[in-house]
Amino acid sequence: MLILTRKSGEGIRIGEDIRVVILEIKGNQVRIGIDAPKGTKVYRDEVYEKIKLENIKASVITKDHLQKLFKIWTDKGKGK
Protein backbone atom coordinates (compact mmCIF):
# COMPACT_ATOMS: atom_id res chain seq x y z
CA MET A 1 0.00 0.00 0.00
CA LEU A 2 1.30 3.42 -0.95
CA ILE A 3 0.80 5.97 1.83
CA LEU A 4 0.83 9.68 0.98
CA THR A 5 0.35 12.83 3.02
CA ARG A 6 -1.84 15.50 1.42
CA LYS A 7 -3.31 18.79 2.62
CA SER A 8 -6.73 20.18 1.81
CA GLY A 9 -6.82 21.18 -1.86
CA GLU A 10 -3.98 18.85 -2.82
CA GLY A 11 -4.45 15.76 -4.93
CA ILE A 12 -2.91 12.66 -6.43
CA ARG A 13 -3.06 11.06 -9.86
CA ILE A 14 -3.76 7.42 -10.58
CA GLY A 15 -2.62 6.66 -14.08
CA GLU A 16 -3.35 9.22 -16.79
CA ASP A 17 -7.04 9.79 -16.18
CA ILE A 18 -7.92 9.51 -12.49
CA ARG A 19 -7.39 12.36 -10.03
CA VAL A 20 -8.19 12.26 -6.31
CA VAL A 21 -8.34 15.59 -4.45
CA ILE A 22 -8.60 16.26 -0.71
CA LEU A 23 -11.52 18.69 -0.46
CA GLU A 24 -11.89 19.14 3.29
CA ILE A 25 -10.58 17.78 6.57
CA LYS A 26 -12.89 17.98 9.61
CA GLY A 27 -11.82 16.11 12.73
CA ASN A 28 -11.47 12.45 11.78
CA GLN A 29 -13.32 12.80 8.45
CA VAL A 30 -11.82 13.61 5.08
CA ARG A 31 -13.91 14.66 2.08
CA ILE A 32 -12.37 13.62 -1.19
CA GLY A 33 -13.23 14.31 -4.79
CA ILE A 34 -12.58 11.78 -7.53
CA ASP A 35 -12.28 12.84 -11.15
CA ALA A 36 -12.35 9.75 -13.36
CA PRO A 37 -13.62 8.76 -16.81
CA LYS A 38 -17.39 8.35 -17.02
CA GLY A 39 -17.28 4.55 -17.31
CA THR A 40 -15.06 4.11 -14.23
CA LYS A 41 -16.90 2.55 -11.31
CA VAL A 42 -16.05 4.04 -7.92
CA TYR A 43 -17.40 2.43 -4.73
CA ARG A 44 -16.91 2.80 -1.00
CA ASP A 45 -15.26 -0.35 0.38
CA GLU A 46 -18.38 -1.53 2.23
CA VAL A 47 -20.57 -1.13 -0.87
CA TYR A 48 -18.03 -2.96 -3.05
CA GLU A 49 -17.89 -5.88 -0.59
CA LYS A 50 -21.71 -6.10 -0.56
CA ILE A 51 -21.84 -6.15 -4.37
CA LYS A 52 -19.13 -8.82 -4.47
CA LEU A 53 -21.02 -10.99 -1.95
CA GLU A 54 -24.32 -10.62 -3.85
CA ASN A 55 -22.58 -11.59 -7.11
CA ILE A 56 -21.16 -14.71 -5.46
CA LYS A 57 -24.60 -15.63 -4.09
CA ALA A 58 -26.19 -15.11 -7.51
CA SER A 59 -23.66 -17.40 -9.16
CA VAL A 60 -24.31 -20.39 -6.89
CA ILE A 61 -26.35 -23.17 -8.51
CA THR A 62 -28.35 -25.26 -6.07
CA LYS A 63 -30.07 -28.61 -6.52
CA ASP A 64 -33.39 -26.73 -6.48
CA HIS A 65 -32.23 -24.52 -9.38
CA LEU A 66 -31.24 -27.59 -11.41
CA GLN A 67 -34.58 -29.31 -10.71
CA LYS A 68 -36.52 -26.22 -11.85
CA LEU A 69 -34.39 -25.93 -14.97
CA PHE A 70 -34.86 -29.63 -15.76
CA LYS A 71 -38.64 -29.25 -15.32
CA ILE A 72 -38.74 -26.30 -17.73
CA TRP A 73 -36.62 -28.23 -20.23
CA THR A 74 -38.72 -31.41 -20.04
CA ASP A 75 -42.01 -29.42 -20.19
CA LYS A 76 -40.79 -27.75 -23.40
CA GLY A 77 -40.08 -31.18 -24.88
CA LYS A 78 -43.69 -32.17 -24.14
CA GLY A 79 -45.01 -29.11 -25.99
CA LYS A 80 -46.10 -27.17 -22.89
C-alpha atoms as a PDB file:
ATOM      1  CA  MET A   1       0.000   0.000   0.000  1.00  0.00           C
ATOM      2  CA  LEU A   2       1.304   3.416  -0.946  1.00  0.00           C
ATOM      3  CA  ILE A   3       0.804   5.971   1.833  1.00  0.00           C
ATOM      4  CA  LEU A   4       0.833   9.676   0.976  1.00  0.00           C
ATOM      5  CA  THR A   5       0.345  12.830   3.015  1.00  0.00           C
ATOM      6  CA  ARG A   6      -1.842  15.500   1.422  1.00  0.00           C
ATOM      7  CA  LYS A   7      -3.308  18.793   2.622  1.00  0.00           C
ATOM      8  CA  SER A   8      -6.729  20.180   1.809  1.00  0.00           C
ATOM      9  CA  GLY A   9      -6.816  21.183  -1.860  1.00  0.00           C
ATOM     10  CA  GLU A  10      -3.978  18.847  -2.823  1.00  0.00           C
ATOM     11  CA  GLY A  11      -4.451  15.755  -4.935  1.00  0.00           C
ATOM     12  CA  ILE A  12      -2.912  12.655  -6.427  1.00  0.00           C
ATOM     13  CA  ARG A  13      -3.064  11.065  -9.865  1.00  0.00           C
ATOM     14  CA  ILE A  14      -3.760   7.417 -10.583  1.00  0.00           C
ATOM     15  CA  GLY A  15      -2.620   6.664 -14.083  1.00  0.00           C
ATOM     16  CA  GLU A  16      -3.352   9.217 -16.790  1.00  0.00           C
ATOM     17  CA  ASP A  17      -7.037   9.795 -16.183  1.00  0.00           C
ATOM     18  CA  ILE A  18      -7.925   9.509 -12.488  1.00  0.00           C
ATOM     19  CA  ARG A  19      -7.386  12.361 -10.029  1.00  0.00           C
ATOM     20  CA  VAL A  20      -8.193  12.256  -6.310  1.00  0.00           C
ATOM     21  CA  VAL A  21      -8.341  15.586  -4.452  1.00  0.00           C
ATOM     22  CA  ILE A  22      -8.600  16.259  -0.714  1.00  0.00           C
ATOM     23  CA  LEU A  23     -11.516  18.691  -0.458  1.00  0.00           C
ATOM     24  CA  GLU A  24     -11.890  19.143   3.290  1.00  0.00           C
ATOM     25  CA  ILE A  25     -10.582  17.776   6.570  1.00  0.00           C
ATOM     26  CA  LYS A  26     -12.890  17.977   9.614  1.00  0.00           C
ATOM     27  CA  GLY A  27     -11.818  16.108  12.731  1.00  0.00           C
ATOM     28  CA  ASN A  28     -11.474  12.447  11.780  1.00  0.00           C
ATOM     29  CA  GLN A  29     -13.319  12.803   8.452  1.00  0.00           C
ATOM     30  CA  VAL A  30     -11.821  13.615   5.076  1.00  0.00           C
ATOM     31  CA  ARG A  31     -13.909  14.665   2.078  1.00  0.00           C
ATOM     32  CA  ILE A  32     -12.373  13.617  -1.194  1.00  0.00           C
ATOM     33  CA  GLY A  33     -13.233  14.308  -4.792  1.00  0.00           C
ATOM     34  CA  ILE A  34     -12.581  11.782  -7.533  1.00  0.00           C
ATOM     35  CA  ASP A  35     -12.276  12.838 -11.147  1.00  0.00           C
ATOM     36  CA  ALA A  36     -12.351   9.745 -13.359  1.00  0.00           C
ATOM     37  CA  PRO A  37     -13.623   8.762 -16.809  1.00  0.00           C
ATOM     38  CA  LYS A  38     -17.393   8.353 -17.018  1.00  0.00           C
ATOM     39  CA  GLY A  39     -17.278   4.549 -17.306  1.00  0.00           C
ATOM     40  CA  THR A  40     -15.057   4.112 -14.235  1.00  0.00           C
ATOM     41  CA  LYS A  41     -16.901   2.547 -11.314  1.00  0.00           C
ATOM     42  CA  VAL A  42     -16.045   4.037  -7.918  1.00  0.00           C
ATOM     43  CA  TYR A  43     -17.405   2.431  -4.734  1.00  0.00           C
ATOM     44  CA  ARG A  44     -16.913   2.800  -0.998  1.00  0.00           C
ATOM     45  CA  ASP A  45     -15.263  -0.352   0.383  1.00  0.00           C
ATOM     46  CA  GLU A  46     -18.379  -1.532   2.227  1.00  0.00           C
ATOM     47  CA  VAL A  47     -20.566  -1.131  -0.870  1.00  0.00           C
ATOM     48  CA  TYR A  48     -18.026  -2.956  -3.048  1.00  0.00           C
ATOM     49  CA  GLU A  49     -17.886  -5.877  -0.586  1.00  0.00           C
ATOM     50  CA  LYS A  50     -21.705  -6.104  -0.563  1.00  0.00           C
ATOM     51  CA  ILE A  51     -21.836  -6.146  -4.371  1.00  0.00           C
ATOM     52  CA  LYS A  52     -19.131  -8.825  -4.473  1.00  0.00           C
ATOM     53  CA  LEU A  53     -21.023 -10.987  -1.949  1.00  0.00           C
ATOM     54  CA  GLU A  54     -24.319 -10.625  -3.848  1.00  0.00           C
ATOM     55  CA  ASN A  55     -22.584 -11.592  -7.108  1.00  0.00           C
ATOM     56  CA  ILE A  56     -21.161 -14.709  -5.458  1.00  0.00           C
ATOM     57  CA  LYS A  57     -24.599 -15.633  -4.089  1.00  0.00           C
ATOM     58  CA  ALA A  58     -26.195 -15.111  -7.514  1.00  0.00           C
ATOM     59  CA  SER A  59     -23.659 -17.400  -9.163  1.00  0.00           C
ATOM     60  CA  VAL A  60     -24.311 -20.395  -6.891  1.00  0.00           C
ATOM     61  CA  ILE A  61     -26.355 -23.167  -8.508  1.00  0.00           C
ATOM     62  CA  THR A  62     -28.349 -25.263  -6.066  1.00  0.00           C
ATOM     63  CA  LYS A  63     -30.068 -28.611  -6.519  1.00  0.00           C
ATOM     64  CA  ASP A  64     -33.392 -26.729  -6.479  1.00  0.00           C
ATOM     65  CA  HIS A  65     -32.230 -24.520  -9.375  1.00  0.00           C
ATOM     66  CA  LEU A  66     -31.245 -27.585 -11.411  1.00  0.00           C
ATOM     67  CA  GLN A  67     -34.578 -29.307 -10.706  1.00  0.00           C
ATOM     68  CA  LYS A  68     -36.517 -26.222 -11.847  1.00  0.00           C
ATOM     69  CA  LEU A  69     -34.385 -25.932 -14.967  1.00  0.00           C
ATOM     70  CA  PHE A  70     -34.864 -29.629 -15.756  1.00  0.00           C
ATOM     71  CA  LYS A  71     -38.643 -29.254 -15.324  1.00  0.00           C
ATOM     72  CA  ILE A  72     -38.736 -26.302 -17.733  1.00  0.00           C
ATOM     73  CA  TRP A  73     -36.621 -28.227 -20.230  1.00  0.00           C
ATOM     74  CA  THR A  74     -38.725 -31.407 -20.042  1.00  0.00           C
ATOM     75  CA  ASP A  75     -42.007 -29.425 -20.188  1.00  0.00           C
ATOM     76  CA  LYS A  76     -40.786 -27.752 -23.399  1.00  0.00           C
ATOM     77  CA  GLY A  77     -40.078 -31.181 -24.875  1.00  0.00           C
ATOM     78  CA  LYS A  78     -43.691 -32.169 -24.141  1.00  0.00           C
ATOM     79  CA  GLY A  79     -45.008 -29.106 -25.994  1.00  0.00           C
ATOM     80  CA  LYS A  80     -46.102 -27.172 -22.894  1.00  0.00           C
END
